[in-house]
Amino acid sequence: MVDSSRRQFALSTYLYRHKRLIRDHLLEIAAHGFSALELFASRLHVDYHNTTVVADVQQWLTEARLDLVSVHAPITEASLASANATERDAAVAETERALHIARRIPFQTLVVHLGRPRAEGVRGGTNRDAARRSIDTLAKAAEPLGVRIALEVIPNDLCRAPSLAELIDEDVEQVNVGICLDIGHARLEGDVPDAIEIVSGHLAAVDVHDNRGRSDDHLVPFDGAIDWPAALTTVQKVGYDGALTFELSSRGATTDTLAKARQARHKMEDLLKG
């Protein structure tokens, strides 16, 4: 059983994804009691191609006393699992640019999507062999940087929890590849505790947000239909000791969302102690 008193809670800058990231955002996150950060790599949000911008983020992290635990790779029209080689190569190249943040700011995990959620109705291949090739390239690039690649559970046939576990077991040779269990996405696909159990042997990251079972709402935990006591008990049972990362959409002022997130974090802490 994991010591709940040492559990780290992170917040993703996904909350600010429609804005240019600034120093005050990180200070705001820290002021609400979060100790760690996931950087959401969208160039309109934070231009990770620009080394000066990355240096600024490093300084802001220091000032806010936040640890960078993960980077969420860019979500682009090009798919890492596209059967079209040109498209796949473009997706790999852009993902590597986000990975290179680790040359300046060390972090543990690069979270990646293989394709797009089926509900979005946009192109984005889910070819398993193409995914394997992309994973192999990214894992080899990540290894010398000390970064683990985490394939996120999302609602498409390739990225359901059983499919990702099978992909890693059967097709992936690199050891620095695991799974990001997105609890909100797992709820849309079925039973959350079952999904956690299925990926437990490869669990590298956990995203937390809520929904009502119909759409990917990215609500604050406890505002939707997810059974959080059951989910957190299972996270504890399988021995996951990494960060729980809040990946939230703002409804109203971000400070209001952060205040609710702080309350949710306290509830989670109490549940994990139990």
C-alpha atoms as a PDB file:
ATOM      1  CA  MET A   1       0.000   0.000   0.000  1.00  0.00           C
ATOM      2  CA  VAL A   2       1.275   3.446  -0.966  1.00  0.00           C
ATOM      3  CA  ASP A   3       1.925   6.007   1.795  1.00  0.00           C
ATOM      4  CA  SER A   4      -0.841   8.543   1.106  1.00  0.00           C
ATOM      5  CA  SER A   5       0.969  11.275   3.036  1.00  0.00           C
ATOM      6  CA  ARG A   6       3.643  11.323   0.309  1.00  0.00           C
ATOM      7  CA  ARG A   7       1.205  11.428  -2.610  1.00  0.00           C
ATOM      8  CA  GLN A   8       1.945  14.261  -5.032  1.00  0.00           C
ATOM      9  CA  PHE A   9      -0.880  16.184  -6.681  1.00  0.00           C
ATOM     10  CA  ALA A  10      -0.199  18.018  -9.929  1.00  0.00           C
ATOM     11  CA  LEU A  11      -2.263  20.368 -12.038  1.00  0.00           C
ATOM     12  CA  SER A  12      -2.114  20.492 -15.819  1.00  0.00           C
ATOM     13  CA  THR A  13      -1.876  23.828 -17.594  1.00  0.00           C
ATOM     14  CA  TYR A  14      -4.660  22.387 -19.758  1.00  0.00           C
ATOM     15  CA  LEU A  15      -6.761  24.632 -17.501  1.00  0.00           C
ATOM     16  CA  TYR A  16      -5.241  27.658 -19.274  1.00  0.00           C
ATOM     17  CA  ARG A  17      -4.920  26.089 -22.730  1.00  0.00           C
ATOM     18  CA  HIS A  18      -6.859  28.866 -24.481  1.00  0.00           C
ATOM     19  CA  LYS A  19      -4.479  31.507 -23.106  1.00  0.00           C
ATOM     20  CA  ARG A  20      -0.780  32.219 -23.435  1.00  0.00           C
ATOM     21  CA  LEU A  21       0.865  30.730 -20.338  1.00  0.00           C
ATOM     22  CA  ILE A  22       2.294  33.378 -17.993  1.00  0.00           C
ATOM     23  CA  ARG A  23       4.102  33.448 -14.660  1.00  0.00           C
ATOM     24  CA  ASP A  24       0.947  34.385 -12.753  1.00  0.00           C
ATOM     25  CA  HIS A  25      -0.760  31.150 -13.825  1.00  0.00           C
ATOM     26  CA  LEU A  26       1.921  29.081 -12.094  1.00  0.00           C
ATOM     27  CA  LEU A  27       1.798  31.258  -8.994  1.00  0.00           C
ATOM     28  CA  GLU A  28      -1.985  30.825  -8.968  1.00  0.00           C
ATOM     29  CA  ILE A  29      -1.641  27.039  -9.137  1.00  0.00           C
ATOM     30  CA  ALA A  30       0.871  26.999  -6.281  1.00  0.00           C
ATOM     31  CA  ALA A  31      -1.305  29.330  -4.190  1.00  0.00           C
ATOM     32  CA  HIS A  32      -4.045  26.681  -4.280  1.00  0.00           C
ATOM     33  CA  GLY A  33      -1.786  24.068  -2.748  1.00  0.00           C
ATOM     34  CA  PHE A  34      -0.556  22.101  -5.735  1.00  0.00           C
ATOM     35  CA  SER A  35       3.092  21.074  -5.618  1.00  0.00           C
ATOM     36  CA  ALA A  36       3.595  19.901  -9.188  1.00  0.00           C
ATOM     37  CA  LEU A  37       2.741  20.780 -12.765  1.00  0.00           C
ATOM     38  CA  GLU A  38       1.996  19.144 -16.075  1.00  0.00           C
ATOM     39  CA  LEU A  39       2.780  21.384 -19.028  1.00  0.00           C
ATOM     40  CA  PHE A  40       0.219  21.137 -21.819  1.00  0.00           C
ATOM     41  CA  ALA A  41       2.270  21.491 -24.996  1.00  0.00           C
ATOM     42  CA  SER A  42       0.232  23.590 -27.376  1.00  0.00           C
ATOM     43  CA  ARG A  43       2.231  26.232 -29.215  1.00  0.00           C
ATOM     44  CA  LEU A  44      -0.520  28.830 -28.853  1.00  0.00           C
ATOM     45  CA  HIS A  45      -0.425  28.177 -25.108  1.00  0.00           C
ATOM     46  CA  VAL A  46       3.334  27.782 -24.604  1.00  0.00           C
ATOM     47  CA  ASP A  47       5.696  27.884 -27.570  1.00  0.00           C
ATOM     48  CA  TYR A  48       7.967  24.961 -26.723  1.00  0.00           C
ATOM     49  CA  HIS A  49       9.834  25.514 -30.015  1.00  0.00           C
ATOM     50  CA  ASN A  50      11.203  28.739 -28.534  1.00  0.00           C
ATOM     51  CA  THR A  51      14.111  28.162 -26.133  1.00  0.00           C
ATOM     52  CA  THR A  52      13.572  31.561 -24.529  1.00  0.00           C
ATOM     53  CA  VAL A  53       9.979  30.608 -23.676  1.00  0.00           C
ATOM     54  CA  VAL A  54      11.152  27.309 -22.165  1.00  0.00           C
ATOM     55  CA  ALA A  55      13.743  29.187 -20.091  1.00  0.00           C
ATOM     56  CA  ASP A  56      10.991  31.508 -18.857  1.00  0.00           C
ATOM     57  CA  VAL A  57       8.870  28.525 -17.807  1.00  0.00           C
ATOM     58  CA  GLN A  58      11.856  27.120 -15.918  1.00  0.00           C
ATOM     59  CA  GLN A  59      12.205  30.400 -14.016  1.00  0.00           C
ATOM     60  CA  TRP A  60       8.479  30.542 -13.259  1.00  0.00           C
ATOM     61  CA  LEU A  61       8.544  26.987 -11.907  1.00  0.00           C
ATOM     62  CA  THR A  62      11.366  27.954  -9.561  1.00  0.00           C
ATOM     63  CA  GLU A  63       9.540  31.061  -8.370  1.00  0.00           C
ATOM     64  CA  ALA A  64       6.305  29.125  -7.794  1.00  0.00           C
ATOM     65  CA  ARG A  65       8.169  26.186  -6.207  1.00  0.00           C
ATOM     66  CA  LEU A  66       6.466  23.733  -8.521  1.00  0.00           C
ATOM     67  CA  ASP A  67       7.971  20.493  -9.842  1.00  0.00           C
ATOM     68  CA  LEU A  68       7.477  19.751 -13.522  1.00  0.00           C
ATOM     69  CA  VAL A  69       6.410  16.098 -13.414  1.00  0.00           C
ATOM     70  CA  SER A  70       5.104  15.683 -16.946  1.00  0.00           C
ATOM     71  CA  VAL A  71       4.551  17.234 -20.340  1.00  0.00           C
ATOM     72  CA  HIS A  72       1.456  16.466 -22.388  1.00  0.00           C
ATOM     73  CA  ALA A  73       2.590  16.090 -25.982  1.00  0.00           C
ATOM     74  CA  PRO A  74       0.920  18.277 -28.613  1.00  0.00           C
ATOM     75  CA  ILE A  75      -2.414  17.133 -30.005  1.00  0.00           C
ATOM     76  CA  THR A  76      -2.208  17.809 -33.725  1.00  0.00           C
ATOM     77  CA  GLU A  77      -4.126  16.881 -36.861  1.00  0.00           C
ATOM     78  CA  ALA A  78      -1.270  14.496 -37.695  1.00  0.00           C
ATOM     79  CA  SER A  79      -1.496  11.181 -35.836  1.00  0.00           C
ATOM     80  CA  LEU A  80       1.306   9.132 -34.310  1.00  0.00           C
ATOM     81  CA  ALA A  81      -0.708   6.104 -35.406  1.00  0.00           C
ATOM     82  CA  SER A  82      -1.346   7.169 -38.996  1.00  0.00           C
ATOM     83  CA  ALA A  83      -0.724   4.640 -41.739  1.00  0.00           C
ATOM     84  CA  ASN A  84       0.366   7.599 -43.873  1.00  0.00           C
ATOM     85  CA  ALA A  85       4.130   7.792 -43.350  1.00  0.00           C
ATOM     86  CA  THR A  86       4.371  11.517 -44.058  1.00  0.00           C
ATOM     87  CA  GLU A  87       1.661  12.328 -41.538  1.00  0.00           C
ATOM     88  CA  ARG A  88       3.129   9.996 -38.930  1.00  0.00           C
ATOM     89  CA  ASP A  89       6.628  11.438 -39.367  1.00  0.00           C
ATOM     90  CA  ALA A  90       5.222  14.952 -38.881  1.00  0.00           C
ATOM     91  CA  ALA A  91       3.497  13.874 -35.668  1.00  0.00           C
ATOM     92  CA  VAL A  92       6.672  12.227 -34.356  1.00  0.00           C
ATOM     93  CA  ALA A  93       8.766  15.298 -35.155  1.00  0.00           C
ATOM     94  CA  GLU A  94       6.359  17.628 -33.341  1.00  0.00           C
ATOM     95  CA  THR A  95       6.181  15.300 -30.335  1.00  0.00           C
ATOM     96  CA  GLU A  96       9.981  15.208 -30.171  1.00  0.00           C
ATOM     97  CA  ARG A  97      10.042  19.006 -30.016  1.00  0.00           C
ATOM     98  CA  ALA A  98       7.939  18.813 -26.850  1.00  0.00           C
ATOM     99  CA  LEU A  99      10.169  16.037 -25.493  1.00  0.00           C
ATOM    100  CA  HIS A 100      13.166  18.350 -25.912  1.00  0.00           C
ATOM    101  CA  ILE A 101      11.823  20.529 -23.101  1.00  0.00           C
ATOM    102  CA  ALA A 102      13.606  17.958 -20.907  1.00  0.00           C
ATOM    103  CA  ARG A 103      16.959  19.231 -22.192  1.00  0.00           C
ATOM    104  CA  ARG A 104      16.297  22.381 -20.182  1.00  0.00           C
ATOM    105  CA  ILE A 105      13.731  21.334 -17.554  1.00  0.00           C
ATOM    106  CA  PRO A 106      13.897  17.732 -16.345  1.00  0.00           C
ATOM    107  CA  PHE A 107      10.574  15.907 -16.158  1.00  0.00           C
ATOM    108  CA  GLN A 108       9.541  12.292 -15.697  1.00  0.00           C
ATOM    109  CA  THR A 109       6.794  11.546 -18.186  1.00  0.00           C
ATOM    110  CA  LEU A 110       5.729  12.530 -21.711  1.00  0.00           C
ATOM    111  CA  VAL A 111       2.013  11.804 -22.163  1.00  0.00           C
ATOM    112  CA  VAL A 112       1.027  11.045 -25.753  1.00  0.00           C
ATOM    113  CA  HIS A 113      -2.162  10.335 -27.700  1.00  0.00           C
ATOM    114  CA  LEU A 114      -2.275   7.674 -30.388  1.00  0.00           C
ATOM    115  CA  GLY A 115      -4.903   9.097 -32.717  1.00  0.00           C
ATOM    116  CA  ARG A 116      -7.866  11.198 -31.622  1.00  0.00           C
ATOM    117  CA  PRO A 117     -10.993  10.404 -29.590  1.00  0.00           C
ATOM    118  CA  ARG A 118     -13.628   8.891 -31.849  1.00  0.00           C
ATOM    119  CA  ALA A 119     -16.246  11.440 -30.733  1.00  0.00           C
ATOM    120  CA  GLU A 120     -14.288  14.333 -32.234  1.00  0.00           C
ATOM    121  CA  GLY A 121     -15.113  13.247 -35.764  1.00  0.00           C
ATOM    122  CA  VAL A 122     -11.730  14.344 -37.145  1.00  0.00           C
ATOM    123  CA  ARG A 123      -9.080  12.436 -38.980  1.00  0.00           C
ATOM    124  CA  GLY A 124      -6.413  10.719 -36.941  1.00  0.00           C
ATOM    125  CA  GLY A 125      -5.289   7.184 -37.724  1.00  0.00           C
ATOM    126  CA  THR A 126      -5.248   4.330 -35.261  1.00  0.00           C
ATOM    127  CA  ASN A 127      -3.010   1.912 -37.143  1.00  0.00           C
ATOM    128  CA  ARG A 128      -1.312  -0.405 -34.670  1.00  0.00           C
ATOM    129  CA  ASP A 129       1.881  -0.971 -36.653  1.00  0.00           C
ATOM    130  CA  ALA A 130       2.276   2.766 -37.232  1.00  0.00           C
ATOM    131  CA  ALA A 131       1.768   3.346 -33.506  1.00  0.00           C
ATOM    132  CA  ARG A 132       4.467   0.785 -32.724  1.00  0.00           C
ATOM    133  CA  ARG A 133       6.946   2.553 -34.990  1.00  0.00           C
ATOM    134  CA  SER A 134       6.211   5.941 -33.424  1.00  0.00           C
ATOM    135  CA  ILE A 135       6.481   4.572 -29.896  1.00  0.00           C
ATOM    136  CA  ASP A 136       9.828   2.969 -30.693  1.00  0.00           C
ATOM    137  CA  THR A 137      11.234   6.226 -32.100  1.00  0.00           C
ATOM    138  CA  LEU A 138       9.971   8.349 -29.207  1.00  0.00           C
ATOM    139  CA  ALA A 139      11.076   5.916 -26.514  1.00  0.00           C
ATOM    140  CA  LYS A 140      14.609   5.804 -27.916  1.00  0.00           C
ATOM    141  CA  ALA A 141      14.731   9.609 -28.027  1.00  0.00           C
ATOM    142  CA  ALA A 142      13.348   9.853 -24.471  1.00  0.00           C
ATOM    143  CA  GLU A 143      15.676   7.320 -22.852  1.00  0.00           C
ATOM    144  CA  PRO A 144      18.832   9.481 -22.607  1.00  0.00           C
ATOM    145  CA  LEU A 145      16.698  12.306 -21.198  1.00  0.00           C
ATOM    146  CA  GLY A 146      15.367  10.079 -18.418  1.00  0.00           C
ATOM    147  CA  VAL A 147      11.788  10.426 -19.677  1.00  0.00           C
ATOM    148  CA  ARG A 148       9.135   7.722 -19.829  1.00  0.00           C
ATOM    149  CA  ILE A 149       6.550   7.683 -22.628  1.00  0.00           C
ATOM    150  CA  ALA A 150       2.998   7.290 -21.293  1.00  0.00           C
ATOM    151  CA  LEU A 151       0.325   6.271 -23.808  1.00  0.00           C
ATOM    152  CA  GLU A 152      -2.933   7.880 -22.723  1.00  0.00           C
ATOM    153  CA  VAL A 153      -6.192   5.972 -22.448  1.00  0.00           C
ATOM    154  CA  ILE A 154      -8.562   7.826 -24.792  1.00  0.00           C
ATOM    155  CA  PRO A 155     -11.864   6.813 -26.406  1.00  0.00           C
ATOM    156  CA  ASN A 156     -10.724   5.118 -29.585  1.00  0.00           C
ATOM    157  CA  ASP A 157     -10.218   1.458 -30.454  1.00  0.00           C
ATOM    158  CA  LEU A 158      -6.421   1.568 -30.215  1.00  0.00           C
ATOM    159  CA  CYS A 159      -6.294   3.432 -26.897  1.00  0.00           C
ATOM    160  CA  ARG A 160      -8.846   1.702 -24.716  1.00  0.00           C
ATOM    161  CA  ALA A 161      -7.218   0.297 -21.573  1.00  0.00           C
ATOM    162  CA  PRO A 162      -7.159  -3.354 -22.752  1.00  0.00           C
ATOM    163  CA  SER A 163      -5.868  -2.349 -26.196  1.00  0.00           C
ATOM    164  CA  LEU A 164      -2.956  -0.308 -24.815  1.00  0.00           C
ATOM    165  CA  ALA A 165      -1.969  -3.046 -22.371  1.00  0.00           C
ATOM    166  CA  GLU A 166      -1.978  -5.549 -25.235  1.00  0.00           C
ATOM    167  CA  LEU A 167      -0.006  -3.190 -27.485  1.00  0.00           C
ATOM    168  CA  ILE A 168       2.762  -2.815 -24.898  1.00  0.00           C
ATOM    169  CA  ASP A 169       2.818  -6.515 -24.002  1.00  0.00           C
ATOM    170  CA  GLU A 170       2.981  -7.719 -27.594  1.00  0.00           C
ATOM    171  CA  ASP A 171       4.574  -4.975 -29.690  1.00  0.00           C
ATOM    172  CA  VAL A 172       6.741  -2.678 -27.566  1.00  0.00           C
ATOM    173  CA  GLU A 173      10.333  -3.584 -26.777  1.00  0.00           C
ATOM    174  CA  GLN A 174      11.473  -0.370 -25.067  1.00  0.00           C
ATOM    175  CA  VAL A 175      11.213  -0.491 -21.271  1.00  0.00           C
ATOM    176  CA  ASN A 176      10.511   3.241 -20.821  1.00  0.00           C
ATOM    177  CA  VAL A 177       6.960   2.981 -22.161  1.00  0.00           C
ATOM    178  CA  GLY A 178       3.876   2.844 -19.962  1.00  0.00           C
ATOM    179  CA  ILE A 179       0.266   3.960 -19.814  1.00  0.00           C
ATOM    180  CA  CYS A 180      -1.405   7.159 -18.639  1.00  0.00           C
ATOM    181  CA  LEU A 181      -4.720   6.116 -17.115  1.00  0.00           C
ATOM    182  CA  ASP A 182      -7.044   9.062 -17.683  1.00  0.00           C
ATOM    183  CA  ILE A 183      -9.845   8.353 -15.218  1.00  0.00           C
ATOM    184  CA  GLY A 184     -12.348  10.583 -17.013  1.00  0.00           C
ATOM    185  CA  HIS A 185     -11.716   8.824 -20.314  1.00  0.00           C
ATOM    186  CA  ALA A 186     -11.860   5.404 -18.658  1.00  0.00           C
ATOM    187  CA  ARG A 187     -15.309   6.277 -17.290  1.00  0.00           C
ATOM    188  CA  LEU A 188     -16.551   6.987 -20.814  1.00  0.00           C
ATOM    189  CA  GLU A 189     -15.368   3.531 -21.873  1.00  0.00           C
ATOM    190  CA  GLY A 190     -16.811   1.576 -18.933  1.00  0.00           C
ATOM    191  CA  ASP A 191     -15.729   0.620 -15.421  1.00  0.00           C
ATOM    192  CA  VAL A 192     -12.905   2.731 -13.943  1.00  0.00           C
ATOM    193  CA  PRO A 193     -11.566   0.219 -11.365  1.00  0.00           C
ATOM    194  CA  ASP A 194     -11.470  -2.468 -14.070  1.00  0.00           C
ATOM    195  CA  ALA A 195      -9.463  -0.155 -16.340  1.00  0.00           C
ATOM    196  CA  ILE A 196      -6.985   0.588 -13.546  1.00  0.00           C
ATOM    197  CA  GLU A 197      -6.543  -3.134 -12.874  1.00  0.00           C
ATOM    198  CA  ILE A 198      -6.029  -3.865 -16.576  1.00  0.00           C
ATOM    199  CA  VAL A 199      -3.218  -1.314 -17.001  1.00  0.00           C
ATOM    200  CA  SER A 200      -1.707  -1.778 -13.532  1.00  0.00           C
ATOM    201  CA  GLY A 201       1.417  -3.502 -14.819  1.00  0.00           C
ATOM    202  CA  HIS A 202       2.240  -0.527 -17.026  1.00  0.00           C
ATOM    203  CA  LEU A 203       0.844   2.410 -15.031  1.00  0.00           C
ATOM    204  CA  ALA A 204       3.081   5.462 -15.512  1.00  0.00           C
ATOM    205  CA  ALA A 205       0.685   8.375 -14.933  1.00  0.00           C
ATOM    206  CA  VAL A 206      -2.864   9.066 -13.732  1.00  0.00           C
ATOM    207  CA  ASP A 207      -5.034  11.980 -14.862  1.00  0.00           C
ATOM    208  CA  VAL A 208      -8.032  12.920 -12.748  1.00  0.00           C
ATOM    209  CA  HIS A 209     -11.151  14.734 -13.911  1.00  0.00           C
ATOM    210  CA  ASP A 210     -14.854  13.958 -13.874  1.00  0.00           C
ATOM    211  CA  ASN A 211     -17.798  13.658 -16.247  1.00  0.00           C
ATOM    212  CA  ARG A 212     -21.387  12.444 -16.240  1.00  0.00           C
ATOM    213  CA  GLY A 213     -20.710   9.448 -18.466  1.00  0.00           C
ATOM    214  CA  ARG A 214     -21.766  11.020 -21.755  1.00  0.00           C
ATOM    215  CA  SER A 215     -19.049  13.471 -22.813  1.00  0.00           C
ATOM    216  CA  ASP A 216     -15.463  14.352 -21.943  1.00  0.00           C
ATOM    217  CA  ASP A 217     -16.294  17.300 -19.695  1.00  0.00           C
ATOM    218  CA  HIS A 218     -13.065  17.570 -17.663  1.00  0.00           C
ATOM    219  CA  LEU A 219     -15.043  18.523 -14.552  1.00  0.00           C
ATOM    220  CA  VAL A 220     -13.511  18.883 -11.121  1.00  0.00           C
ATOM    221  CA  PRO A 221     -13.560  15.470  -9.366  1.00  0.00           C
ATOM    222  CA  PHE A 222     -16.777  14.858  -7.391  1.00  0.00           C
ATOM    223  CA  ASP A 223     -18.770  17.116  -9.770  1.00  0.00           C
ATOM    224  CA  GLY A 224     -19.700  14.233 -12.071  1.00  0.00           C
ATOM    225  CA  ALA A 225     -20.672  10.567 -11.900  1.00  0.00           C
ATOM    226  CA  ILE A 226     -17.316   8.862 -11.225  1.00  0.00           C
ATOM    227  CA  ASP A 227     -17.102   6.739  -8.085  1.00  0.00           C
ATOM    228  CA  TRP A 228     -13.965   8.333  -6.653  1.00  0.00           C
ATOM    229  CA  PRO A 229     -13.704   6.168  -3.505  1.00  0.00           C
ATOM    230  CA  ALA A 230     -13.638   3.053  -5.708  1.00  0.00           C
ATOM    231  CA  ALA A 231     -11.205   4.596  -8.214  1.00  0.00           C
ATOM    232  CA  LEU A 232      -8.750   5.805  -5.579  1.00  0.00           C
ATOM    233  CA  THR A 233      -8.924   2.564  -3.617  1.00  0.00           C
ATOM    234  CA  THR A 234      -7.937   0.710  -6.787  1.00  0.00           C
ATOM    235  CA  VAL A 235      -5.106   3.167  -7.523  1.00  0.00           C
ATOM    236  CA  GLN A 236      -3.790   2.468  -4.044  1.00  0.00           C
ATOM    237  CA  LYS A 237      -4.286  -1.299  -4.352  1.00  0.00           C
ATOM    238  CA  VAL A 238      -2.253  -1.634  -7.563  1.00  0.00           C
ATOM    239  CA  GLY A 239       0.655   0.227  -5.934  1.00  0.00           C
ATOM    240  CA  TYR A 240       0.739   3.337  -8.083  1.00  0.00           C
ATOM    241  CA  ASP A 241       2.798   5.940  -6.208  1.00  0.00           C
ATOM    242  CA  GLY A 242       3.132   8.689  -8.820  1.00  0.00           C
ATOM    243  CA  ALA A 243       1.367  12.007  -9.113  1.00  0.00           C
ATOM    244  CA  LEU A 244      -2.370  12.395  -9.559  1.00  0.00           C
ATOM    245  CA  THR A 245      -2.724  15.108 -12.187  1.00  0.00           C
ATOM    246  CA  PHE A 246      -5.817  17.301 -12.310  1.00  0.00           C
ATOM    247  CA  GLU A 247      -6.660  17.971 -15.978  1.00  0.00           C
ATOM    248  CA  LEU A 248      -9.556  20.409 -15.794  1.00  0.00           C
ATOM    249  CA  SER A 249     -11.614  22.680 -18.008  1.00  0.00           C
ATOM    250  CA  SER A 250     -12.553  26.041 -16.551  1.00  0.00           C
ATOM    251  CA  ARG A 251     -16.190  26.985 -16.206  1.00  0.00           C
ATOM    252  CA  GLY A 252     -16.003  30.612 -15.219  1.00  0.00           C
ATOM    253  CA  ALA A 253     -12.944  32.097 -13.534  1.00  0.00           C
ATOM    254  CA  THR A 254      -9.907  29.827 -13.286  1.00  0.00           C
ATOM    255  CA  THR A 255      -9.529  30.834  -9.619  1.00  0.00           C
ATOM    256  CA  ASP A 256     -13.001  29.402  -8.939  1.00  0.00           C
ATOM    257  CA  THR A 257     -12.043  26.139 -10.664  1.00  0.00           C
ATOM    258  CA  LEU A 258      -8.799  26.022  -8.674  1.00  0.00           C
ATOM    259  CA  ALA A 259     -10.676  26.606  -5.417  1.00  0.00           C
ATOM    260  CA  LYS A 260     -12.949  23.662  -6.221  1.00  0.00           C
ATOM    261  CA  ALA A 261      -9.915  21.603  -7.230  1.00  0.00           C
ATOM    262  CA  ARG A 262      -8.317  22.320  -3.855  1.00  0.00           C
ATOM    263  CA  GLN A 263     -11.455  21.063  -2.092  1.00  0.00           C
ATOM    264  CA  ALA A 264     -11.475  17.956  -4.289  1.00  0.00           C
ATOM    265  CA  ARG A 265      -7.815  17.340  -3.519  1.00  0.00           C
ATOM    266  CA  HIS A 266      -8.547  17.469   0.216  1.00  0.00           C
ATOM    267  CA  LYS A 267     -11.357  14.918  -0.253  1.00  0.00           C
ATOM    268  CA  MET A 268      -8.976  12.674  -2.201  1.00  0.00           C
ATOM    269  CA  GLU A 269      -6.332  12.973   0.512  1.00  0.00           C
ATOM    270  CA  ASP A 270      -8.902  11.889   3.108  1.00  0.00           C
ATOM    271  CA  LEU A 271     -10.011   8.950   0.961  1.00  0.00           C
ATOM    272  CA  LEU A 272      -6.434   7.826   0.364  1.00  0.00           C
ATOM    273  CA  LYS A 273      -5.743   7.921   4.105  1.00  0.00           C
ATOM    274  CA  GLY A 274      -8.729   5.658   4.711  1.00  0.00           C
END
